[in-house]
């Protein structure tokens, strides 16, 4: 097997001792993985009452109600920026409360709202179900911005892992459909490339969190076995032209399957004349900050995301003020 970059010591310890780490995943294990899902406490979600929590249901593109979890700063004095958020889970597991506690902390620090999407999961619902659900929520937030006390000029697409890929795909859909304006993209260890042939994928077989076998299970559930003609809105890494997209923040671990596809996506954004900030966290496994949030590496990653978000929002305020 090819050598891999060393894991951060705190990450290595968590990988060795946490029984919930998912390294490989077979199709017959999806149901049991779903059963392990536990939502965070409401105190975590609302940051002890500093964020207002509400549940909304809209007419989804699949014909069924589409649930959205909305968090808004209680102390807001006017329209606030909003993150339209897609959770992780390899497109096959998870729900709108997954990852939302960490995102709530980011929202609390930066004064933004969060709209977390309960998108449909594969294999029951294959492409384009998930991305169309995220796009529908983006449109809903933009259309009802006044009612929701959200600034329509500062709507940010965000996601973790599979959700990061969905956020990137939704940005492409919004560009090509001349849809709602997207202010920025916050892509955390995004799952972007169904081809699953990267060097980092080969390095991580049977190692760390979410290896190439798990990735193949997930992509096959979403797209099927025949992936000869995959749309860019299913796998954004297949897009050749990334021009006209909003600024992106992309981060990923050095010791994870998605490392190379994330680096390549940032590079293609630059080559297309776009704006991207890329962080490759040394020793980070996939989802390391959720796995061991108290680690110094995780704290650094969390702090950098907040600083980027604060910075791009400050730039927006100056631009809108004509400064």
C-alpha atoms as a PDB file:
ATOM      1  CA  UNK A   1       0.000   0.000   0.000  1.00  0.00           C
ATOM      2  CA  UNK A   2       1.255   3.536  -0.701  1.00  0.00           C
ATOM      3  CA  UNK A   3       2.498   5.522   2.299  1.00  0.00           C
ATOM      4  CA  UNK A   4       0.263   8.244   3.727  1.00  0.00           C
ATOM      5  CA  UNK A   5       0.949  11.552   5.458  1.00  0.00           C
ATOM      6  CA  UNK A   6       1.082  11.134   9.221  1.00  0.00           C
ATOM      7  CA  UNK A   7      -2.050  11.794  11.216  1.00  0.00           C
ATOM      8  CA  UNK A   8      -2.060  14.587  13.757  1.00  0.00           C
ATOM      9  CA  UNK A   9      -1.481  12.891  17.164  1.00  0.00           C
ATOM     10  CA  UNK A  10      -4.898  13.886  18.518  1.00  0.00           C
ATOM     11  CA  UNK A  11      -6.583  12.716  15.321  1.00  0.00           C
ATOM     12  CA  UNK A  12      -4.646   9.438  15.368  1.00  0.00           C
ATOM     13  CA  UNK A  13      -5.757   8.773  18.934  1.00  0.00           C
ATOM     14  CA  UNK A  14      -9.385   9.452  18.069  1.00  0.00           C
ATOM     15  CA  UNK A  15      -9.239   7.195  15.019  1.00  0.00           C
ATOM     16  CA  UNK A  16      -7.801   4.390  17.146  1.00  0.00           C
ATOM     17  CA  UNK A  17     -10.246   4.699  20.038  1.00  0.00           C
ATOM     18  CA  UNK A  18     -13.566   5.970  18.675  1.00  0.00           C
ATOM     19  CA  UNK A  19     -15.788   3.026  17.639  1.00  0.00           C
ATOM     20  CA  UNK A  20     -18.048   5.304  15.567  1.00  0.00           C
ATOM     21  CA  UNK A  21     -15.395   6.121  12.962  1.00  0.00           C
ATOM     22  CA  UNK A  22     -16.542   4.937   9.527  1.00  0.00           C
ATOM     23  CA  UNK A  23     -13.597   3.750   7.457  1.00  0.00           C
ATOM     24  CA  UNK A  24     -15.234   1.456   4.913  1.00  0.00           C
ATOM     25  CA  UNK A  25     -18.905   1.128   4.028  1.00  0.00           C
ATOM     26  CA  UNK A  26     -20.723  -1.549   2.052  1.00  0.00           C
ATOM     27  CA  UNK A  27     -24.229  -1.085   0.611  1.00  0.00           C
ATOM     28  CA  UNK A  28     -25.685  -3.520   3.145  1.00  0.00           C
ATOM     29  CA  UNK A  29     -24.312  -1.391   6.004  1.00  0.00           C
ATOM     30  CA  UNK A  30     -26.176   1.822   5.092  1.00  0.00           C
ATOM     31  CA  UNK A  31     -29.259   0.960   7.162  1.00  0.00           C
ATOM     32  CA  UNK A  32     -27.261   0.216  10.309  1.00  0.00           C
ATOM     33  CA  UNK A  33     -25.247   3.414   9.864  1.00  0.00           C
ATOM     34  CA  UNK A  34     -28.491   5.399   9.675  1.00  0.00           C
ATOM     35  CA  UNK A  35     -29.658   3.801  12.922  1.00  0.00           C
ATOM     36  CA  UNK A  36     -26.576   5.148  14.720  1.00  0.00           C
ATOM     37  CA  UNK A  37     -27.469   8.759  13.982  1.00  0.00           C
ATOM     38  CA  UNK A  38     -28.120  10.821  17.134  1.00  0.00           C
ATOM     39  CA  UNK A  39     -29.240  14.470  16.983  1.00  0.00           C
ATOM     40  CA  UNK A  40     -27.490  17.139  19.067  1.00  0.00           C
ATOM     41  CA  UNK A  41     -29.163  18.716  22.068  1.00  0.00           C
ATOM     42  CA  UNK A  42     -31.327  21.771  21.490  1.00  0.00           C
ATOM     43  CA  UNK A  43     -29.014  23.753  23.779  1.00  0.00           C
ATOM     44  CA  UNK A  44     -26.165  23.061  21.337  1.00  0.00           C
ATOM     45  CA  UNK A  45     -28.315  23.954  18.352  1.00  0.00           C
ATOM     46  CA  UNK A  46     -29.505  27.270  19.820  1.00  0.00           C
ATOM     47  CA  UNK A  47     -26.229  28.116  21.582  1.00  0.00           C
ATOM     48  CA  UNK A  48     -28.028  28.337  24.887  1.00  0.00           C
ATOM     49  CA  UNK A  49     -30.851  30.432  23.475  1.00  0.00           C
ATOM     50  CA  UNK A  50     -28.797  32.942  21.467  1.00  0.00           C
ATOM     51  CA  UNK A  51     -30.138  31.468  18.210  1.00  0.00           C
ATOM     52  CA  UNK A  52     -33.835  31.209  17.409  1.00  0.00           C
ATOM     53  CA  UNK A  53     -34.821  27.754  16.134  1.00  0.00           C
ATOM     54  CA  UNK A  54     -37.717  27.106  13.773  1.00  0.00           C
ATOM     55  CA  UNK A  55     -38.804  24.319  11.422  1.00  0.00           C
ATOM     56  CA  UNK A  56     -40.265  25.056   8.001  1.00  0.00           C
ATOM     57  CA  UNK A  57     -41.808  22.827   5.357  1.00  0.00           C
ATOM     58  CA  UNK A  58     -42.012  23.803   1.735  1.00  0.00           C
ATOM     59  CA  UNK A  59     -43.213  22.043  -1.374  1.00  0.00           C
ATOM     60  CA  UNK A  60     -40.224  19.984  -2.417  1.00  0.00           C
ATOM     61  CA  UNK A  61     -39.238  19.248  -6.018  1.00  0.00           C
ATOM     62  CA  UNK A  62     -40.008  15.573  -5.393  1.00  0.00           C
ATOM     63  CA  UNK A  63     -43.638  16.335  -4.600  1.00  0.00           C
ATOM     64  CA  UNK A  64     -43.275  15.770  -0.855  1.00  0.00           C
ATOM     65  CA  UNK A  65     -42.734  18.417   1.841  1.00  0.00           C
ATOM     66  CA  UNK A  66     -39.120  19.491   2.185  1.00  0.00           C
ATOM     67  CA  UNK A  67     -38.050  20.295   5.740  1.00  0.00           C
ATOM     68  CA  UNK A  68     -35.743  23.181   6.555  1.00  0.00           C
ATOM     69  CA  UNK A  69     -34.236  23.911   9.963  1.00  0.00           C
ATOM     70  CA  UNK A  70     -33.752  27.663  10.389  1.00  0.00           C
ATOM     71  CA  UNK A  71     -31.489  29.254  12.996  1.00  0.00           C
ATOM     72  CA  UNK A  72     -31.435  33.037  13.363  1.00  0.00           C
ATOM     73  CA  UNK A  73     -29.599  35.309  15.788  1.00  0.00           C
ATOM     74  CA  UNK A  74     -32.004  36.388  18.509  1.00  0.00           C
ATOM     75  CA  UNK A  75     -30.202  39.723  18.821  1.00  0.00           C
ATOM     76  CA  UNK A  76     -30.525  40.634  15.128  1.00  0.00           C
ATOM     77  CA  UNK A  77     -31.594  44.204  14.394  1.00  0.00           C
ATOM     78  CA  UNK A  78     -32.253  43.769  10.697  1.00  0.00           C
ATOM     79  CA  UNK A  79     -31.673  41.383   7.798  1.00  0.00           C
ATOM     80  CA  UNK A  80     -28.699  39.078   8.362  1.00  0.00           C
ATOM     81  CA  UNK A  81     -26.555  36.966   6.018  1.00  0.00           C
ATOM     82  CA  UNK A  82     -27.563  33.314   5.723  1.00  0.00           C
ATOM     83  CA  UNK A  83     -25.852  29.991   5.199  1.00  0.00           C
ATOM     84  CA  UNK A  84     -27.871  27.471   3.175  1.00  0.00           C
ATOM     85  CA  UNK A  85     -26.366  24.311   4.618  1.00  0.00           C
ATOM     86  CA  UNK A  86     -26.229  20.705   3.371  1.00  0.00           C
ATOM     87  CA  UNK A  87     -25.226  18.043   5.896  1.00  0.00           C
ATOM     88  CA  UNK A  88     -22.693  15.276   5.376  1.00  0.00           C
ATOM     89  CA  UNK A  89     -23.228  11.534   5.305  1.00  0.00           C
ATOM     90  CA  UNK A  90     -22.055  10.356   1.892  1.00  0.00           C
ATOM     91  CA  UNK A  91     -25.435  11.176   0.313  1.00  0.00           C
ATOM     92  CA  UNK A  92     -26.840   8.075   2.024  1.00  0.00           C
ATOM     93  CA  UNK A  93     -27.198   8.952   5.726  1.00  0.00           C
ATOM     94  CA  UNK A  94     -27.808  11.959   7.931  1.00  0.00           C
ATOM     95  CA  UNK A  95     -30.315  14.724   8.456  1.00  0.00           C
ATOM     96  CA  UNK A  96     -30.566  18.476   8.863  1.00  0.00           C
ATOM     97  CA  UNK A  97     -29.319  18.449  12.460  1.00  0.00           C
ATOM     98  CA  UNK A  98     -26.072  16.662  11.523  1.00  0.00           C
ATOM     99  CA  UNK A  99     -23.178  19.081  11.810  1.00  0.00           C
ATOM    100  CA  UNK A 100     -25.507  21.891  12.774  1.00  0.00           C
ATOM    101  CA  UNK A 101     -24.116  22.290  16.305  1.00  0.00           C
ATOM    102  CA  UNK A 102     -20.702  23.286  14.946  1.00  0.00           C
ATOM    103  CA  UNK A 103     -22.365  25.472  12.344  1.00  0.00           C
ATOM    104  CA  UNK A 104     -24.478  27.086  15.060  1.00  0.00           C
ATOM    105  CA  UNK A 105     -21.273  28.059  16.848  1.00  0.00           C
ATOM    106  CA  UNK A 106     -20.030  29.650  13.624  1.00  0.00           C
ATOM    107  CA  UNK A 107     -23.361  31.430  13.145  1.00  0.00           C
ATOM    108  CA  UNK A 108     -23.335  32.675  16.737  1.00  0.00           C
ATOM    109  CA  UNK A 109     -19.829  34.083  16.322  1.00  0.00           C
ATOM    110  CA  UNK A 110     -20.393  35.752  12.953  1.00  0.00           C
ATOM    111  CA  UNK A 111     -24.032  36.858  13.236  1.00  0.00           C
ATOM    112  CA  UNK A 112     -25.455  34.839  10.353  1.00  0.00           C
ATOM    113  CA  UNK A 113     -28.557  32.696   9.972  1.00  0.00           C
ATOM    114  CA  UNK A 114     -28.500  29.018   8.988  1.00  0.00           C
ATOM    115  CA  UNK A 115     -31.008  27.171   6.806  1.00  0.00           C
ATOM    116  CA  UNK A 116     -30.208  23.456   7.040  1.00  0.00           C
ATOM    117  CA  UNK A 117     -31.717  21.257   4.313  1.00  0.00           C
ATOM    118  CA  UNK A 118     -33.316  17.861   4.961  1.00  0.00           C
ATOM    119  CA  UNK A 119     -32.502  16.652   1.453  1.00  0.00           C
ATOM    120  CA  UNK A 120     -33.547  13.255   0.126  1.00  0.00           C
ATOM    121  CA  UNK A 121     -31.069  10.400   0.514  1.00  0.00           C
ATOM    122  CA  UNK A 122     -29.788   7.725  -1.838  1.00  0.00           C
ATOM    123  CA  UNK A 123     -30.233   4.967  -2.824  1.00  0.00           C
ATOM    124  CA  UNK A 124     -33.981   5.531  -2.375  1.00  0.00           C
ATOM    125  CA  UNK A 125     -33.627   8.892  -4.117  1.00  0.00           C
ATOM    126  CA  UNK A 126     -30.892   9.109  -6.732  1.00  0.00           C
ATOM    127  CA  UNK A 127     -29.498  12.134  -8.550  1.00  0.00           C
ATOM    128  CA  UNK A 128     -30.802  14.793  -8.995  1.00  0.00           C
ATOM    129  CA  UNK A 129     -32.952  14.522  -5.852  1.00  0.00           C
ATOM    130  CA  UNK A 130     -30.454  15.852  -3.293  1.00  0.00           C
ATOM    131  CA  UNK A 131     -29.078  18.745  -5.329  1.00  0.00           C
ATOM    132  CA  UNK A 132     -32.553  19.813  -6.449  1.00  0.00           C
ATOM    133  CA  UNK A 133     -33.638  19.883  -2.802  1.00  0.00           C
ATOM    134  CA  UNK A 134     -30.724  22.139  -1.870  1.00  0.00           C
ATOM    135  CA  UNK A 135     -31.456  24.371  -4.870  1.00  0.00           C
ATOM    136  CA  UNK A 136     -35.123  24.558  -3.824  1.00  0.00           C
ATOM    137  CA  UNK A 137     -34.131  25.779  -0.350  1.00  0.00           C
ATOM    138  CA  UNK A 138     -31.710  28.311  -1.839  1.00  0.00           C
ATOM    139  CA  UNK A 139     -34.592  29.639  -3.957  1.00  0.00           C
ATOM    140  CA  UNK A 140     -36.952  29.635  -0.962  1.00  0.00           C
ATOM    141  CA  UNK A 141     -34.522  31.623   1.179  1.00  0.00           C
ATOM    142  CA  UNK A 142     -33.947  34.136  -1.635  1.00  0.00           C
ATOM    143  CA  UNK A 143     -37.647  34.500  -2.461  1.00  0.00           C
ATOM    144  CA  UNK A 144     -38.720  34.934   1.169  1.00  0.00           C
ATOM    145  CA  UNK A 145     -35.682  36.870   2.356  1.00  0.00           C
ATOM    146  CA  UNK A 146     -37.743  39.837   3.545  1.00  0.00           C
ATOM    147  CA  UNK A 147     -40.118  37.685   5.565  1.00  0.00           C
ATOM    148  CA  UNK A 148     -37.246  35.650   7.000  1.00  0.00           C
ATOM    149  CA  UNK A 149     -35.186  38.766   7.844  1.00  0.00           C
ATOM    150  CA  UNK A 150     -32.348  37.568   5.618  1.00  0.00           C
ATOM    151  CA  UNK A 151     -30.178  39.732   3.393  1.00  0.00           C
ATOM    152  CA  UNK A 152     -30.720  38.409  -0.170  1.00  0.00           C
ATOM    153  CA  UNK A 153     -27.361  39.840  -1.257  1.00  0.00           C
ATOM    154  CA  UNK A 154     -25.454  37.718   1.264  1.00  0.00           C
ATOM    155  CA  UNK A 155     -26.675  34.139   0.877  1.00  0.00           C
ATOM    156  CA  UNK A 156     -23.871  31.608   1.229  1.00  0.00           C
ATOM    157  CA  UNK A 157     -23.966  27.975   0.159  1.00  0.00           C
ATOM    158  CA  UNK A 158     -22.295  25.699   2.678  1.00  0.00           C
ATOM    159  CA  UNK A 159     -21.867  22.005   3.310  1.00  0.00           C
ATOM    160  CA  UNK A 160     -19.732  19.327   4.889  1.00  0.00           C
ATOM    161  CA  UNK A 161     -18.442  16.275   3.001  1.00  0.00           C
ATOM    162  CA  UNK A 162     -21.292  15.113   0.737  1.00  0.00           C
ATOM    163  CA  UNK A 163     -23.065  18.344   1.642  1.00  0.00           C
ATOM    164  CA  UNK A 164     -20.023  20.309   0.519  1.00  0.00           C
ATOM    165  CA  UNK A 165     -20.294  18.633  -2.864  1.00  0.00           C
ATOM    166  CA  UNK A 166     -23.997  19.457  -2.980  1.00  0.00           C
ATOM    167  CA  UNK A 167     -23.259  23.090  -2.121  1.00  0.00           C
ATOM    168  CA  UNK A 168     -20.715  23.292  -4.947  1.00  0.00           C
ATOM    169  CA  UNK A 169     -23.173  21.624  -7.339  1.00  0.00           C
ATOM    170  CA  UNK A 170     -25.936  24.019  -6.296  1.00  0.00           C
ATOM    171  CA  UNK A 171     -23.655  26.972  -7.039  1.00  0.00           C
ATOM    172  CA  UNK A 172     -23.171  25.568 -10.544  1.00  0.00           C
ATOM    173  CA  UNK A 173     -26.932  25.123 -10.951  1.00  0.00           C
ATOM    174  CA  UNK A 174     -27.608  28.688  -9.804  1.00  0.00           C
ATOM    175  CA  UNK A 175     -25.024  30.004 -12.268  1.00  0.00           C
ATOM    176  CA  UNK A 176     -26.315  28.032 -15.230  1.00  0.00           C
ATOM    177  CA  UNK A 177     -30.013  28.591 -14.505  1.00  0.00           C
ATOM    178  CA  UNK A 178     -29.489  32.292 -13.797  1.00  0.00           C
ATOM    179  CA  UNK A 179     -31.021  31.469 -10.439  1.00  0.00           C
ATOM    180  CA  UNK A 180     -30.724  33.111  -7.032  1.00  0.00           C
ATOM    181  CA  UNK A 181     -27.583  35.109  -6.384  1.00  0.00           C
ATOM    182  CA  UNK A 182     -25.037  33.194  -4.314  1.00  0.00           C
ATOM    183  CA  UNK A 183     -22.651  35.376  -2.365  1.00  0.00           C
ATOM    184  CA  UNK A 184     -20.030  32.768  -1.442  1.00  0.00           C
ATOM    185  CA  UNK A 185     -19.359  29.056  -0.923  1.00  0.00           C
ATOM    186  CA  UNK A 186     -18.129  27.508   2.332  1.00  0.00           C
ATOM    187  CA  UNK A 187     -17.077  23.961   1.390  1.00  0.00           C
ATOM    188  CA  UNK A 188     -15.794  21.811   4.240  1.00  0.00           C
ATOM    189  CA  UNK A 189     -13.961  18.648   3.083  1.00  0.00           C
ATOM    190  CA  UNK A 190     -16.345  18.479   0.086  1.00  0.00           C
ATOM    191  CA  UNK A 191     -17.112  15.243  -1.792  1.00  0.00           C
ATOM    192  CA  UNK A 192     -16.692  16.342  -5.414  1.00  0.00           C
ATOM    193  CA  UNK A 193     -15.521  13.549  -7.712  1.00  0.00           C
ATOM    194  CA  UNK A 194     -17.416  10.323  -8.413  1.00  0.00           C
ATOM    195  CA  UNK A 195     -14.505   8.873 -10.409  1.00  0.00           C
ATOM    196  CA  UNK A 196     -12.791   7.944  -7.135  1.00  0.00           C
ATOM    197  CA  UNK A 197      -9.373   7.503  -8.753  1.00  0.00           C
ATOM    198  CA  UNK A 198      -7.228  10.080  -6.975  1.00  0.00           C
ATOM    199  CA  UNK A 199      -3.837   9.384  -5.449  1.00  0.00           C
ATOM    200  CA  UNK A 200      -5.177  10.375  -2.026  1.00  0.00           C
ATOM    201  CA  UNK A 201      -8.006   7.875  -2.471  1.00  0.00           C
ATOM    202  CA  UNK A 202      -5.475   5.139  -3.201  1.00  0.00           C
ATOM    203  CA  UNK A 203      -3.430   6.135  -0.170  1.00  0.00           C
ATOM    204  CA  UNK A 204      -6.386   5.966   2.201  1.00  0.00           C
ATOM    205  CA  UNK A 205      -7.770   2.516   1.315  1.00  0.00           C
ATOM    206  CA  UNK A 206      -8.707   0.911   4.635  1.00  0.00           C
ATOM    207  CA  UNK A 207      -7.272   3.822   6.580  1.00  0.00           C
ATOM    208  CA  UNK A 208      -8.564   6.806   8.482  1.00  0.00           C
ATOM    209  CA  UNK A 209     -12.164   7.897   8.006  1.00  0.00           C
ATOM    210  CA  UNK A 210     -14.222   7.339   4.836  1.00  0.00           C
ATOM    211  CA  UNK A 211     -11.953   5.433   2.500  1.00  0.00           C
ATOM    212  CA  UNK A 212     -12.292   4.759  -1.221  1.00  0.00           C
ATOM    213  CA  UNK A 213     -14.581   1.744  -0.674  1.00  0.00           C
ATOM    214  CA  UNK A 214     -17.008   3.835   1.367  1.00  0.00           C
ATOM    215  CA  UNK A 215     -16.811   6.545  -1.275  1.00  0.00           C
ATOM    216  CA  UNK A 216     -17.619   4.064  -4.052  1.00  0.00           C
ATOM    217  CA  UNK A 217     -20.610   2.772  -2.095  1.00  0.00           C
ATOM    218  CA  UNK A 218     -21.931   6.299  -1.700  1.00  0.00           C
ATOM    219  CA  UNK A 219     -21.440   7.405  -5.295  1.00  0.00           C
ATOM    220  CA  UNK A 220     -22.980   4.191  -6.622  1.00  0.00           C
ATOM    221  CA  UNK A 221     -26.019   4.688  -4.381  1.00  0.00           C
ATOM    222  CA  UNK A 222     -26.455   8.216  -5.753  1.00  0.00           C
ATOM    223  CA  UNK A 223     -25.575   7.665  -9.428  1.00  0.00           C
ATOM    224  CA  UNK A 224     -25.749   3.927 -10.097  1.00  0.00           C
ATOM    225  CA  UNK A 225     -22.992   1.715 -11.498  1.00  0.00           C
ATOM    226  CA  UNK A 226     -22.927   3.225 -14.998  1.00  0.00           C
ATOM    227  CA  UNK A 227     -21.149   6.556 -14.607  1.00  0.00           C
ATOM    228  CA  UNK A 228     -19.943   7.187 -18.139  1.00  0.00           C
ATOM    229  CA  UNK A 229     -21.878  10.438 -18.555  1.00  0.00           C
ATOM    230  CA  UNK A 230     -22.184  12.128 -15.170  1.00  0.00           C
ATOM    231  CA  UNK A 231     -23.513  15.718 -15.095  1.00  0.00           C
ATOM    232  CA  UNK A 232     -21.433  18.395 -13.415  1.00  0.00           C
ATOM    233  CA  UNK A 233     -24.375  19.042 -11.078  1.00  0.00           C
ATOM    234  CA  UNK A 234     -23.912  15.509  -9.731  1.00  0.00           C
ATOM    235  CA  UNK A 235     -20.118  15.604  -9.424  1.00  0.00           C
ATOM    236  CA  UNK A 236     -18.751  19.167  -9.576  1.00  0.00           C
ATOM    237  CA  UNK A 237     -15.170  17.951 -10.152  1.00  0.00           C
ATOM    238  CA  UNK A 238     -16.263  17.029 -13.683  1.00  0.00           C
ATOM    239  CA  UNK A 239     -16.909  20.694 -14.530  1.00  0.00           C
ATOM    240  CA  UNK A 240     -14.281  22.140 -16.851  1.00  0.00           C
ATOM    241  CA  UNK A 241     -15.531  25.723 -16.646  1.00  0.00           C
ATOM    242  CA  UNK A 242     -15.728  27.114 -13.127  1.00  0.00           C
ATOM    243  CA  UNK A 243     -15.953  30.738 -14.182  1.00  0.00           C
ATOM    244  CA  UNK A 244     -18.723  32.958 -12.883  1.00  0.00           C
ATOM    245  CA  UNK A 245     -18.915  31.259  -9.491  1.00  0.00           C
ATOM    246  CA  UNK A 246     -18.918  33.040  -6.123  1.00  0.00           C
ATOM    247  CA  UNK A 247     -15.813  33.090  -3.909  1.00  0.00           C
ATOM    248  CA  UNK A 248     -15.103  29.761  -2.274  1.00  0.00           C
ATOM    249  CA  UNK A 249     -13.511  28.590   0.942  1.00  0.00           C
ATOM    250  CA  UNK A 250     -12.332  24.976   0.702  1.00  0.00           C
ATOM    251  CA  UNK A 251     -10.633  23.005   3.429  1.00  0.00           C
ATOM    252  CA  UNK A 252      -9.611  19.369   3.696  1.00  0.00           C
ATOM    253  CA  UNK A 253      -7.247  17.131   5.635  1.00  0.00           C
ATOM    254  CA  UNK A 254      -3.897  15.991   4.289  1.00  0.00           C
ATOM    255  CA  UNK A 255      -4.666  12.368   5.238  1.00  0.00           C
ATOM    256  CA  UNK A 256      -8.086  11.837   3.677  1.00  0.00           C
ATOM    257  CA  UNK A 257      -9.661  10.511   0.511  1.00  0.00           C
ATOM    258  CA  UNK A 258     -10.925  13.909  -0.689  1.00  0.00           C
ATOM    259  CA  UNK A 259      -7.604  15.764  -0.420  1.00  0.00           C
ATOM    260  CA  UNK A 260      -6.607  15.695  -4.085  1.00  0.00           C
ATOM    261  CA  UNK A 261     -10.039  16.437  -5.540  1.00  0.00           C
ATOM    262  CA  UNK A 262     -10.414  19.437  -3.226  1.00  0.00           C
ATOM    263  CA  UNK A 263      -6.992  20.793  -4.165  1.00  0.00           C
ATOM    264  CA  UNK A 264      -7.765  20.269  -7.855  1.00  0.00           C
ATOM    265  CA  UNK A 265     -11.130  22.036  -7.534  1.00  0.00           C
ATOM    266  CA  UNK A 266      -9.545  25.079  -5.918  1.00  0.00           C
ATOM    267  CA  UNK A 267      -6.896  25.126  -8.641  1.00  0.00           C
ATOM    268  CA  UNK A 268      -9.562  24.971 -11.354  1.00  0.00           C
ATOM    269  CA  UNK A 269     -11.421  27.853  -9.732  1.00  0.00           C
ATOM    270  CA  UNK A 270      -8.238  29.923  -9.925  1.00  0.00           C
ATOM    271  CA  UNK A 271      -7.604  28.862 -13.513  1.00  0.00           C
ATOM    272  CA  UNK A 272     -11.143  29.996 -14.380  1.00  0.00           C
ATOM    273  CA  UNK A 273     -10.461  33.420 -12.912  1.00  0.00           C
ATOM    274  CA  UNK A 274     -12.280  32.722  -9.685  1.00  0.00           C
ATOM    275  CA  UNK A 275     -11.609  33.446  -6.037  1.00  0.00           C
ATOM    276  CA  UNK A 276     -10.803  30.518  -3.739  1.00  0.00           C
ATOM    277  CA  UNK A 277      -9.154  30.111  -0.367  1.00  0.00           C
ATOM    278  CA  UNK A 278      -7.739  26.617   0.197  1.00  0.00           C
ATOM    279  CA  UNK A 279      -6.570  25.040   3.449  1.00  0.00           C
ATOM    280  CA  UNK A 280      -5.055  21.562   3.646  1.00  0.00           C
ATOM    281  CA  UNK A 281      -4.833  20.714   7.323  1.00  0.00           C
ATOM    282  CA  UNK A 282      -1.704  18.668   8.107  1.00  0.00           C
ATOM    283  CA  UNK A 283      -2.558  15.351   9.711  1.00  0.00           C
ATOM    284  CA  UNK A 284      -6.291  15.839   9.308  1.00  0.00           C
ATOM    285  CA  UNK A 285      -8.465  12.804   8.583  1.00  0.00           C
ATOM    286  CA  UNK A 286     -11.863  13.239   6.954  1.00  0.00           C
ATOM    287  CA  UNK A 287     -14.106  15.196   9.310  1.00  0.00           C
ATOM    288  CA  UNK A 288     -11.336  15.500  11.879  1.00  0.00           C
ATOM    289  CA  UNK A 289     -12.808  18.602  13.514  1.00  0.00           C
ATOM    290  CA  UNK A 290     -16.071  16.780  14.230  1.00  0.00           C
ATOM    291  CA  UNK A 291     -14.195  13.660  15.337  1.00  0.00           C
ATOM    292  CA  UNK A 292     -12.012  15.463  17.858  1.00  0.00           C
ATOM    293  CA  UNK A 293     -13.247  19.068  18.214  1.00  0.00           C
ATOM    294  CA  UNK A 294     -11.026  19.824  21.203  1.00  0.00           C
ATOM    295  CA  UNK A 295      -7.790  19.150  19.265  1.00  0.00           C
ATOM    296  CA  UNK A 296      -5.629  22.164  18.489  1.00  0.00           C
ATOM    297  CA  UNK A 297      -5.830  21.319  14.796  1.00  0.00           C
ATOM    298  CA  UNK A 298      -9.617  21.326  14.933  1.00  0.00           C
ATOM    299  CA  UNK A 299      -9.694  24.601  16.819  1.00  0.00           C
ATOM    300  CA  UNK A 300      -7.440  26.158  14.190  1.00  0.00           C
ATOM    301  CA  UNK A 301      -9.704  24.943  11.389  1.00  0.00           C
ATOM    302  CA  UNK A 302     -12.804  26.270  13.131  1.00  0.00           C
ATOM    303  CA  UNK A 303     -11.160  29.620  13.793  1.00  0.00           C
ATOM    304  CA  UNK A 304     -10.000  30.020  10.183  1.00  0.00           C
ATOM    305  CA  UNK A 305     -13.484  29.350   8.793  1.00  0.00           C
ATOM    306  CA  UNK A 306     -14.931  32.004  11.086  1.00  0.00           C
ATOM    307  CA  UNK A 307     -12.240  34.504  10.099  1.00  0.00           C
ATOM    308  CA  UNK A 308     -12.865  33.880   6.378  1.00  0.00           C
ATOM    309  CA  UNK A 309     -16.609  34.308   6.806  1.00  0.00           C
ATOM    310  CA  UNK A 310     -16.136  37.486   8.838  1.00  0.00           C
ATOM    311  CA  UNK A 311     -13.756  38.847   6.214  1.00  0.00           C
ATOM    312  CA  UNK A 312     -15.939  38.192   3.161  1.00  0.00           C
ATOM    313  CA  UNK A 313     -18.981  39.633   4.924  1.00  0.00           C
ATOM    314  CA  UNK A 314     -17.000  42.736   5.859  1.00  0.00           C
ATOM    315  CA  UNK A 315     -15.940  43.128   2.219  1.00  0.00           C
ATOM    316  CA  UNK A 316     -19.593  42.876   1.215  1.00  0.00           C
ATOM    317  CA  UNK A 317     -20.621  45.586   3.660  1.00  0.00           C
ATOM    318  CA  UNK A 318     -17.960  47.928   2.294  1.00  0.00           C
ATOM    319  CA  UNK A 319     -18.990  47.176  -1.284  1.00  0.00           C
ATOM    320  CA  UNK A 320     -22.663  47.793  -0.573  1.00  0.00           C
ATOM    321  CA  UNK A 321     -21.738  51.047   1.166  1.00  0.00           C
ATOM    322  CA  UNK A 322     -19.750  52.123  -1.880  1.00  0.00           C
ATOM    323  CA  UNK A 323     -16.474  52.271   0.031  1.00  0.00           C
END
